[in-house]
N, C-alpha and C. Protein backbone atom coordinates (compact mmCIF):
# COMPACT_ATOMS: atom_id res chain seq x y z
N MET A 1 -14.82 -12.12 -0.76
CA MET A 1 -14.36 -11.29 0.34
C MET A 1 -13.28 -12.07 1.10
N ARG A 2 -12.14 -11.39 1.31
CA ARG A 2 -11.12 -12.03 2.13
C ARG A 2 -10.50 -11.02 3.08
N GLN A 3 -9.82 -11.57 4.08
CA GLN A 3 -9.19 -10.74 5.09
C GLN A 3 -7.68 -10.80 4.91
N LEU A 4 -7.06 -9.62 5.00
CA LEU A 4 -5.61 -9.50 4.92
C LEU A 4 -5.11 -8.86 6.20
N TYR A 5 -3.84 -9.11 6.54
CA TYR A 5 -3.28 -8.63 7.79
C TYR A 5 -1.89 -8.04 7.58
N ALA A 6 -1.57 -7.00 8.35
CA ALA A 6 -0.24 -6.40 8.35
C ALA A 6 0.06 -5.94 9.77
N ARG A 7 1.34 -5.91 10.11
CA ARG A 7 1.76 -5.42 11.42
C ARG A 7 1.42 -3.95 11.54
N ARG A 8 0.81 -3.55 12.62
CA ARG A 8 0.36 -2.17 12.81
C ARG A 8 1.53 -1.20 12.87
N ARG A 9 2.57 -1.53 13.60
CA ARG A 9 3.64 -0.56 13.81
C ARG A 9 4.53 -0.37 12.59
N GLN A 10 4.43 -1.24 11.60
CA GLN A 10 5.30 -1.15 10.43
C GLN A 10 4.57 -0.76 9.16
N PHE A 11 3.26 -0.58 9.20
CA PHE A 11 2.50 -0.56 7.96
C PHE A 11 2.94 0.48 6.94
N SER A 12 3.03 1.73 7.31
CA SER A 12 3.37 2.73 6.29
C SER A 12 4.74 3.36 6.53
N LEU A 13 5.54 2.75 7.39
CA LEU A 13 6.87 3.30 7.67
C LEU A 13 7.82 2.95 6.53
N GLN A 14 8.96 3.63 6.53
CA GLN A 14 9.95 3.36 5.49
C GLN A 14 10.43 1.92 5.61
N GLY A 15 10.74 1.33 4.48
CA GLY A 15 11.21 -0.04 4.46
C GLY A 15 10.19 -0.94 3.79
N THR A 16 10.14 -2.19 4.23
CA THR A 16 9.25 -3.17 3.61
C THR A 16 8.25 -3.69 4.63
N THR A 17 7.00 -3.77 4.23
CA THR A 17 5.93 -4.32 5.05
C THR A 17 5.31 -5.49 4.31
N VAL A 18 5.03 -6.55 5.02
CA VAL A 18 4.44 -7.75 4.44
C VAL A 18 2.95 -7.77 4.76
N VAL A 19 2.14 -8.09 3.76
CA VAL A 19 0.70 -8.24 3.94
C VAL A 19 0.36 -9.71 3.70
N LYS A 20 -0.31 -10.32 4.70
CA LYS A 20 -0.60 -11.75 4.65
C LYS A 20 -2.10 -11.99 4.62
N ASP A 21 -2.48 -13.20 4.21
CA ASP A 21 -3.89 -13.59 4.26
C ASP A 21 -4.16 -14.31 5.59
N SER A 22 -5.38 -14.79 5.77
CA SER A 22 -5.76 -15.42 7.04
C SER A 22 -5.06 -16.75 7.27
N ASN A 23 -4.45 -17.33 6.21
CA ASN A 23 -3.68 -18.57 6.35
C ASN A 23 -2.19 -18.29 6.57
N ASN A 24 -1.85 -17.03 6.80
CA ASN A 24 -0.48 -16.59 7.05
C ASN A 24 0.42 -16.66 5.81
N ASN A 25 -0.19 -16.69 4.61
CA ASN A 25 0.56 -16.68 3.36
C ASN A 25 0.82 -15.23 2.96
N VAL A 26 2.04 -14.93 2.55
CA VAL A 26 2.37 -13.58 2.10
C VAL A 26 1.70 -13.34 0.75
N ILE A 27 0.93 -12.24 0.65
CA ILE A 27 0.21 -11.89 -0.57
C ILE A 27 0.85 -10.69 -1.26
N TYR A 28 1.21 -9.67 -0.46
CA TYR A 28 1.78 -8.43 -1.01
C TYR A 28 2.96 -7.99 -0.15
N THR A 29 3.82 -7.17 -0.75
CA THR A 29 4.83 -6.43 -0.01
C THR A 29 4.67 -4.95 -0.36
N LEU A 30 4.81 -4.11 0.65
CA LEU A 30 4.69 -2.67 0.49
C LEU A 30 6.04 -2.07 0.83
N MET A 31 6.61 -1.29 -0.10
CA MET A 31 7.93 -0.71 0.17
C MET A 31 8.03 0.68 -0.42
N GLY A 32 8.88 1.49 0.23
CA GLY A 32 9.10 2.85 -0.23
C GLY A 32 9.32 3.78 0.94
N ALA A 33 9.14 5.08 0.69
CA ALA A 33 9.39 6.08 1.73
C ALA A 33 8.47 7.28 1.53
N TRP A 34 8.08 7.91 2.65
CA TRP A 34 7.26 9.12 2.65
C TRP A 34 8.10 10.31 3.07
N GLY A 35 7.45 11.46 3.09
CA GLY A 35 8.02 12.63 3.72
C GLY A 35 8.62 13.64 2.76
N SER A 36 8.71 13.32 1.52
CA SER A 36 9.19 14.29 0.54
C SER A 36 8.13 14.44 -0.54
N ARG A 37 8.25 15.49 -1.30
CA ARG A 37 7.27 15.73 -2.36
C ARG A 37 7.28 14.59 -3.37
N GLN A 38 8.39 13.93 -3.49
CA GLN A 38 8.50 12.81 -4.43
C GLN A 38 8.37 11.45 -3.74
N GLY A 39 7.81 11.42 -2.53
CA GLY A 39 7.66 10.17 -1.80
C GLY A 39 6.78 9.19 -2.55
N VAL A 40 7.20 7.92 -2.56
CA VAL A 40 6.45 6.88 -3.27
C VAL A 40 6.44 5.61 -2.44
N LEU A 41 5.28 5.00 -2.32
CA LEU A 41 5.16 3.64 -1.77
C LEU A 41 4.66 2.76 -2.90
N SER A 42 5.28 1.60 -3.05
CA SER A 42 4.89 0.66 -4.10
C SER A 42 4.41 -0.63 -3.46
N LEU A 43 3.32 -1.15 -3.99
CA LEU A 43 2.75 -2.41 -3.51
C LEU A 43 2.99 -3.46 -4.59
N TYR A 44 3.63 -4.57 -4.19
CA TYR A 44 3.96 -5.63 -5.13
C TYR A 44 3.24 -6.91 -4.76
N HIS A 45 2.83 -7.66 -5.80
CA HIS A 45 2.36 -9.02 -5.58
C HIS A 45 3.56 -9.84 -5.12
N ILE A 46 3.31 -10.97 -4.51
CA ILE A 46 4.40 -11.78 -3.98
C ILE A 46 5.34 -12.28 -5.08
N ASP A 47 4.85 -12.37 -6.32
CA ASP A 47 5.71 -12.81 -7.43
C ASP A 47 6.54 -11.67 -8.02
N GLY A 48 6.45 -10.47 -7.43
CA GLY A 48 7.27 -9.34 -7.86
C GLY A 48 6.61 -8.37 -8.82
N ARG A 49 5.39 -8.67 -9.28
CA ARG A 49 4.68 -7.75 -10.17
C ARG A 49 4.18 -6.55 -9.38
N LEU A 50 4.29 -5.36 -9.98
CA LEU A 50 3.79 -4.14 -9.34
C LEU A 50 2.27 -4.16 -9.36
N ALA A 51 1.65 -4.02 -8.18
CA ALA A 51 0.19 -4.01 -8.08
C ALA A 51 -0.36 -2.59 -8.13
N ALA A 52 0.27 -1.67 -7.39
CA ALA A 52 -0.19 -0.27 -7.34
C ALA A 52 0.89 0.58 -6.68
N GLU A 53 0.78 1.89 -6.89
CA GLU A 53 1.71 2.83 -6.26
C GLU A 53 0.96 4.03 -5.71
N ILE A 54 1.52 4.61 -4.66
CA ILE A 54 1.03 5.86 -4.09
C ILE A 54 2.15 6.87 -4.27
N LYS A 55 1.81 8.00 -4.85
CA LYS A 55 2.81 9.06 -5.02
C LYS A 55 2.36 10.29 -4.25
N GLN A 56 3.24 10.79 -3.42
CA GLN A 56 2.95 12.00 -2.65
C GLN A 56 3.25 13.20 -3.54
N ARG A 57 2.23 14.03 -3.81
CA ARG A 57 2.39 15.13 -4.75
C ARG A 57 2.57 16.49 -4.09
N SER A 58 2.26 16.59 -2.80
CA SER A 58 2.47 17.87 -2.11
C SER A 58 2.74 17.61 -0.64
N LEU A 59 3.33 18.60 0.00
CA LEU A 59 3.64 18.53 1.42
C LEU A 59 2.72 19.49 2.16
N GLY A 60 2.93 19.63 3.45
CA GLY A 60 2.18 20.59 4.24
C GLY A 60 1.10 19.93 5.07
N VAL A 61 0.22 20.75 5.56
CA VAL A 61 -0.85 20.28 6.45
C VAL A 61 -1.81 19.36 5.71
N PHE A 62 -2.09 19.65 4.45
CA PHE A 62 -3.03 18.86 3.67
C PHE A 62 -2.33 18.26 2.44
N PRO A 63 -1.43 17.28 2.63
CA PRO A 63 -0.71 16.74 1.47
C PRO A 63 -1.65 15.99 0.52
N LYS A 64 -1.28 15.99 -0.74
CA LYS A 64 -2.07 15.31 -1.76
C LYS A 64 -1.35 14.04 -2.18
N PHE A 65 -2.12 12.97 -2.37
CA PHE A 65 -1.59 11.68 -2.79
C PHE A 65 -2.35 11.22 -4.03
N GLU A 66 -1.62 10.53 -4.91
CA GLU A 66 -2.24 9.98 -6.11
C GLU A 66 -1.98 8.48 -6.15
N LEU A 67 -2.99 7.73 -6.60
CA LEU A 67 -2.91 6.28 -6.72
C LEU A 67 -2.68 5.92 -8.19
N TYR A 68 -1.75 5.01 -8.42
CA TYR A 68 -1.43 4.59 -9.78
C TYR A 68 -1.49 3.09 -9.91
N GLN A 69 -1.92 2.65 -11.07
CA GLN A 69 -1.81 1.25 -11.47
C GLN A 69 -1.05 1.28 -12.79
N GLY A 70 0.20 0.81 -12.75
CA GLY A 70 1.07 0.98 -13.90
C GLY A 70 1.37 2.46 -14.07
N ASN A 71 1.23 2.97 -15.27
CA ASN A 71 1.46 4.39 -15.53
C ASN A 71 0.17 5.21 -15.50
N ARG A 72 -0.93 4.58 -15.14
CA ARG A 72 -2.23 5.23 -15.19
C ARG A 72 -2.69 5.66 -13.79
N GLN A 73 -3.00 6.95 -13.65
CA GLN A 73 -3.53 7.44 -12.38
C GLN A 73 -4.98 6.98 -12.26
N ILE A 74 -5.28 6.34 -11.14
CA ILE A 74 -6.65 5.83 -10.97
C ILE A 74 -7.39 6.52 -9.83
N GLY A 75 -6.72 7.41 -9.11
CA GLY A 75 -7.40 8.12 -8.03
C GLY A 75 -6.48 9.11 -7.34
N SER A 76 -7.08 10.04 -6.61
CA SER A 76 -6.30 10.98 -5.80
C SER A 76 -7.10 11.31 -4.55
N LEU A 77 -6.37 11.64 -3.49
CA LEU A 77 -7.03 12.01 -2.25
C LEU A 77 -6.19 13.00 -1.48
N ARG A 78 -6.89 13.77 -0.69
CA ARG A 78 -6.28 14.78 0.17
C ARG A 78 -7.12 14.82 1.44
N ARG A 79 -6.44 14.99 2.54
CA ARG A 79 -7.13 15.03 3.83
C ARG A 79 -7.72 16.41 4.06
N HIS A 80 -8.96 16.43 4.53
CA HIS A 80 -9.64 17.66 4.91
C HIS A 80 -10.09 17.48 6.35
N TYR A 81 -9.76 18.43 7.19
CA TYR A 81 -10.13 18.32 8.59
C TYR A 81 -11.59 18.71 8.77
N GLY A 82 -12.29 17.87 9.51
CA GLY A 82 -13.69 18.12 9.74
C GLY A 82 -14.01 17.97 11.22
N VAL A 83 -15.25 17.80 11.49
CA VAL A 83 -15.70 17.66 12.86
C VAL A 83 -15.87 16.17 13.16
N GLY A 84 -15.28 15.72 14.26
CA GLY A 84 -15.46 14.33 14.69
C GLY A 84 -14.67 13.34 13.88
N ARG A 85 -15.30 12.73 12.91
CA ARG A 85 -14.66 11.67 12.16
C ARG A 85 -14.00 12.19 10.89
N ASP A 86 -13.09 11.38 10.41
CA ASP A 86 -12.46 11.69 9.13
C ASP A 86 -13.37 11.23 8.00
N MET A 87 -13.55 12.08 7.02
CA MET A 87 -14.28 11.73 5.81
C MET A 87 -13.40 12.16 4.65
N ILE A 88 -13.00 11.20 3.84
CA ILE A 88 -12.09 11.46 2.74
C ILE A 88 -12.72 10.92 1.47
N PHE A 89 -12.72 11.72 0.44
CA PHE A 89 -13.25 11.29 -0.85
C PHE A 89 -12.09 10.96 -1.77
N VAL A 90 -12.14 9.78 -2.39
CA VAL A 90 -11.11 9.35 -3.33
C VAL A 90 -11.64 9.65 -4.73
N LYS A 91 -11.09 10.72 -5.32
CA LYS A 91 -11.54 11.14 -6.65
C LYS A 91 -11.22 10.06 -7.66
N GLN A 92 -11.99 10.00 -8.70
CA GLN A 92 -11.92 9.07 -9.82
C GLN A 92 -12.47 7.69 -9.46
N LEU A 93 -12.15 7.18 -8.28
CA LEU A 93 -12.74 5.91 -7.86
C LEU A 93 -14.13 6.11 -7.27
N ASN A 94 -14.41 7.36 -6.86
CA ASN A 94 -15.68 7.70 -6.21
C ASN A 94 -15.92 6.87 -4.95
N TRP A 95 -14.87 6.75 -4.15
CA TRP A 95 -14.94 6.04 -2.88
C TRP A 95 -14.97 7.05 -1.75
N LEU A 96 -15.72 6.75 -0.73
CA LEU A 96 -15.80 7.58 0.47
C LEU A 96 -15.20 6.79 1.63
N VAL A 97 -14.20 7.38 2.28
CA VAL A 97 -13.53 6.76 3.42
C VAL A 97 -14.04 7.45 4.68
N ILE A 98 -14.58 6.67 5.61
CA ILE A 98 -15.12 7.21 6.86
C ILE A 98 -14.48 6.46 8.02
N GLY A 99 -13.99 7.21 9.01
CA GLY A 99 -13.41 6.54 10.15
C GLY A 99 -12.79 7.48 11.14
N ASN A 100 -11.85 6.94 11.92
CA ASN A 100 -11.25 7.68 13.00
C ASN A 100 -9.77 7.32 13.09
N LEU A 101 -8.90 8.33 12.98
CA LEU A 101 -7.45 8.09 13.05
C LEU A 101 -7.00 7.59 14.42
N MET A 102 -7.68 7.99 15.46
CA MET A 102 -7.27 7.61 16.81
C MET A 102 -7.48 6.11 17.07
N THR A 103 -8.61 5.57 16.63
CA THR A 103 -8.90 4.16 16.83
C THR A 103 -8.51 3.31 15.63
N PHE A 104 -8.21 3.96 14.52
CA PHE A 104 -7.88 3.35 13.24
C PHE A 104 -8.92 2.32 12.80
N ASN A 105 -10.18 2.70 12.95
CA ASN A 105 -11.29 1.92 12.42
C ASN A 105 -11.86 2.70 11.25
N TYR A 106 -11.87 2.09 10.07
CA TYR A 106 -12.32 2.76 8.86
C TYR A 106 -13.22 1.84 8.05
N ARG A 107 -14.09 2.48 7.28
CA ARG A 107 -14.88 1.80 6.28
C ARG A 107 -14.79 2.61 4.99
N VAL A 108 -14.72 1.90 3.87
CA VAL A 108 -14.64 2.54 2.56
C VAL A 108 -15.86 2.10 1.77
N PHE A 109 -16.55 3.08 1.19
CA PHE A 109 -17.78 2.81 0.44
C PHE A 109 -17.69 3.33 -0.98
N HIS A 110 -18.38 2.64 -1.88
CA HIS A 110 -18.67 3.14 -3.22
C HIS A 110 -20.19 3.16 -3.29
N GLY A 111 -20.76 4.35 -3.15
CA GLY A 111 -22.21 4.44 -2.98
C GLY A 111 -22.56 3.81 -1.65
N ARG A 112 -23.45 2.82 -1.67
CA ARG A 112 -23.81 2.11 -0.43
C ARG A 112 -23.07 0.80 -0.27
N GLU A 113 -22.26 0.45 -1.27
CA GLU A 113 -21.53 -0.81 -1.21
C GLU A 113 -20.27 -0.66 -0.37
N LEU A 114 -20.10 -1.56 0.60
CA LEU A 114 -18.90 -1.58 1.43
C LEU A 114 -17.76 -2.20 0.62
N ILE A 115 -16.68 -1.44 0.44
CA ILE A 115 -15.51 -1.90 -0.31
C ILE A 115 -14.49 -2.53 0.63
N MET A 116 -14.25 -1.85 1.76
CA MET A 116 -13.24 -2.33 2.71
C MET A 116 -13.58 -1.87 4.11
N GLN A 117 -13.15 -2.66 5.07
CA GLN A 117 -13.23 -2.29 6.48
C GLN A 117 -11.86 -2.55 7.09
N ILE A 118 -11.38 -1.59 7.90
CA ILE A 118 -10.09 -1.71 8.57
C ILE A 118 -10.33 -1.70 10.07
N ALA A 119 -9.67 -2.60 10.77
CA ALA A 119 -9.76 -2.63 12.23
C ALA A 119 -8.41 -3.05 12.81
N GLU A 120 -8.11 -2.56 14.00
CA GLU A 120 -6.94 -3.03 14.73
C GLU A 120 -7.36 -4.28 15.49
N VAL A 121 -6.53 -5.32 15.40
CA VAL A 121 -6.79 -6.56 16.13
C VAL A 121 -5.52 -6.94 16.88
N THR A 122 -5.69 -7.59 18.01
CA THR A 122 -4.55 -8.00 18.80
C THR A 122 -4.30 -9.47 18.55
N GLY A 123 -3.08 -9.76 18.10
CA GLY A 123 -2.67 -11.14 17.85
C GLY A 123 -1.65 -11.57 18.87
N THR A 124 -1.09 -12.75 18.67
CA THR A 124 -0.09 -13.27 19.60
C THR A 124 1.21 -12.47 19.56
N SER A 125 1.48 -11.82 18.41
CA SER A 125 2.74 -11.08 18.28
C SER A 125 2.54 -9.57 18.33
N GLY A 126 1.40 -9.11 18.81
CA GLY A 126 1.16 -7.67 18.92
C GLY A 126 -0.07 -7.22 18.16
N THR A 127 -0.10 -5.94 17.84
CA THR A 127 -1.26 -5.36 17.16
C THR A 127 -1.09 -5.45 15.65
N ASP A 128 -2.13 -5.94 15.00
CA ASP A 128 -2.16 -6.04 13.54
C ASP A 128 -3.30 -5.19 13.01
N LEU A 129 -3.22 -4.88 11.73
CA LEU A 129 -4.34 -4.27 11.02
C LEU A 129 -5.03 -5.39 10.25
N GLU A 130 -6.34 -5.43 10.36
CA GLU A 130 -7.14 -6.42 9.63
C GLU A 130 -7.92 -5.69 8.55
N PHE A 131 -7.73 -6.10 7.33
CA PHE A 131 -8.42 -5.50 6.19
C PHE A 131 -9.42 -6.52 5.66
N THR A 132 -10.69 -6.18 5.70
CA THR A 132 -11.72 -7.02 5.11
C THR A 132 -12.12 -6.33 3.81
N ILE A 133 -11.78 -6.96 2.68
CA ILE A 133 -11.96 -6.34 1.38
C ILE A 133 -12.94 -7.17 0.56
N THR A 134 -13.97 -6.51 0.03
CA THR A 134 -15.05 -7.19 -0.65
C THR A 134 -14.61 -7.84 -1.96
N HIS A 135 -13.88 -7.10 -2.80
CA HIS A 135 -13.48 -7.60 -4.12
C HIS A 135 -11.96 -7.69 -4.21
N GLU A 136 -11.47 -8.83 -4.62
CA GLU A 136 -10.02 -9.06 -4.68
C GLU A 136 -9.32 -8.07 -5.61
N GLU A 137 -9.97 -7.67 -6.68
CA GLU A 137 -9.35 -6.73 -7.63
C GLU A 137 -9.16 -5.33 -7.03
N ASP A 138 -9.85 -5.02 -5.93
CA ASP A 138 -9.71 -3.72 -5.26
C ASP A 138 -8.63 -3.73 -4.18
N GLU A 139 -8.08 -4.89 -3.85
CA GLU A 139 -7.11 -5.00 -2.76
C GLU A 139 -5.93 -4.03 -2.88
N PRO A 140 -5.27 -3.94 -4.05
CA PRO A 140 -4.13 -3.02 -4.12
C PRO A 140 -4.49 -1.57 -3.78
N PHE A 141 -5.62 -1.10 -4.28
CA PHE A 141 -6.03 0.29 -4.02
C PHE A 141 -6.43 0.47 -2.57
N CYS A 142 -7.11 -0.51 -2.01
CA CYS A 142 -7.50 -0.45 -0.60
C CYS A 142 -6.27 -0.41 0.30
N LEU A 143 -5.27 -1.22 0.02
CA LEU A 143 -4.07 -1.24 0.84
C LEU A 143 -3.29 0.07 0.70
N CYS A 144 -3.29 0.65 -0.49
CA CYS A 144 -2.64 1.95 -0.68
C CYS A 144 -3.33 3.04 0.13
N ILE A 145 -4.65 3.05 0.11
CA ILE A 145 -5.41 4.02 0.89
C ILE A 145 -5.14 3.82 2.38
N ALA A 146 -5.09 2.57 2.82
CA ALA A 146 -4.79 2.28 4.23
C ALA A 146 -3.41 2.79 4.61
N ALA A 147 -2.44 2.68 3.71
CA ALA A 147 -1.09 3.18 3.99
C ALA A 147 -1.10 4.70 4.16
N ILE A 148 -1.89 5.39 3.37
CA ILE A 148 -2.01 6.85 3.50
C ILE A 148 -2.66 7.20 4.84
N LEU A 149 -3.71 6.49 5.20
CA LEU A 149 -4.38 6.73 6.48
C LEU A 149 -3.42 6.49 7.64
N ASP A 150 -2.62 5.44 7.54
CA ASP A 150 -1.65 5.13 8.58
C ASP A 150 -0.57 6.22 8.67
N TYR A 151 -0.15 6.71 7.53
CA TYR A 151 0.83 7.81 7.50
C TYR A 151 0.26 9.03 8.23
N TRP A 152 -1.00 9.37 7.95
CA TRP A 152 -1.63 10.50 8.63
C TRP A 152 -1.75 10.25 10.13
N ALA A 153 -2.06 9.02 10.51
CA ALA A 153 -2.17 8.69 11.93
C ALA A 153 -0.83 8.88 12.63
N HIS A 154 0.26 8.43 12.01
CA HIS A 154 1.58 8.58 12.60
C HIS A 154 2.03 10.04 12.60
N SER A 155 1.79 10.77 11.53
CA SER A 155 2.23 12.17 11.49
C SER A 155 1.41 13.01 12.46
N GLY A 156 0.16 12.67 12.68
CA GLY A 156 -0.66 13.39 13.66
C GLY A 156 -0.15 13.19 15.07
N LYS A 157 0.33 11.99 15.38
CA LYS A 157 0.90 11.72 16.70
C LYS A 157 2.18 12.50 16.92
N ARG A 158 3.02 12.61 15.86
CA ARG A 158 4.25 13.38 15.98
C ARG A 158 3.95 14.85 16.21
N GLN A 159 2.95 15.39 15.50
CA GLN A 159 2.59 16.79 15.67
C GLN A 159 2.05 17.04 17.07
N THR A 160 1.23 16.12 17.59
CA THR A 160 0.67 16.28 18.93
C THR A 160 1.78 16.26 19.97
N LYS A 161 2.76 15.36 19.82
CA LYS A 161 3.87 15.29 20.77
C LYS A 161 4.66 16.59 20.77
N SER A 162 4.94 17.13 19.59
CA SER A 162 5.74 18.35 19.54
C SER A 162 4.97 19.54 20.11
N ILE A 163 3.68 19.57 19.92
CA ILE A 163 2.88 20.65 20.48
C ILE A 163 2.83 20.54 21.99
N LYS A 164 2.65 19.31 22.52
CA LYS A 164 2.57 19.11 23.97
C LYS A 164 3.90 19.39 24.65
N SER A 165 5.01 19.11 23.97
CA SER A 165 6.30 19.28 24.62
C SER A 165 6.78 20.73 24.60
N HIS A 166 6.12 21.58 23.86
CA HIS A 166 6.53 22.97 23.77
C HIS A 166 5.80 23.77 24.85
N HIS A 167 6.53 24.47 25.69
CA HIS A 167 5.92 25.25 26.75
C HIS A 167 5.82 26.71 26.31
N TRP A 168 4.67 27.28 26.47
CA TRP A 168 4.45 28.66 26.10
C TRP A 168 4.41 29.53 27.35
N ARG A 169 5.03 30.67 27.27
CA ARG A 169 4.98 31.60 28.37
C ARG A 169 4.44 32.93 27.85
N ALA A 170 3.51 33.42 28.56
CA ALA A 170 2.94 34.71 28.17
C ALA A 170 2.79 35.59 29.40
N SER A 171 2.99 36.83 29.22
CA SER A 171 2.79 37.76 30.35
C SER A 171 1.89 38.89 29.87
N PHE A 172 1.01 39.27 30.73
CA PHE A 172 0.09 40.34 30.41
C PHE A 172 0.33 41.47 31.39
N ASN A 173 0.78 42.58 30.92
CA ASN A 173 1.08 43.72 31.79
C ASN A 173 -0.03 44.73 31.77
């Protein structure tokens, strides 16, 4: 089990994000862009090898994302709105993601086994995301799922702002 860290404000945005270990060594880089049906984020090992990719397959309120390792699809997920907390099932991996977009605290399970935990932590240079991942071989998929969750958190904030800034007028005669 090891802990990885990324800057909170940059995690799933366009461009490049660095993921470091607890000794401040760069382990992965995440790069790409969202927002189109062909949106792709790629996660690379520090030596340049492709670790995993996320491909956005649909747009709209409930966009679908697929996880790839090389040319092989290893999972897919789609957000479903529920009551209270977010619960997302990652097909093929049989992982259950439980958490809250507002606080960005998540846990990922395979059955009863904890695969990953995500928490926001405050460091000397601002807010970071802390990923506690049980198995090193699951890190690429966990980071890809976290990027999708972060994308939903950011897009939800944009939707809320646009709804709040729009004034409605109604008259009843």
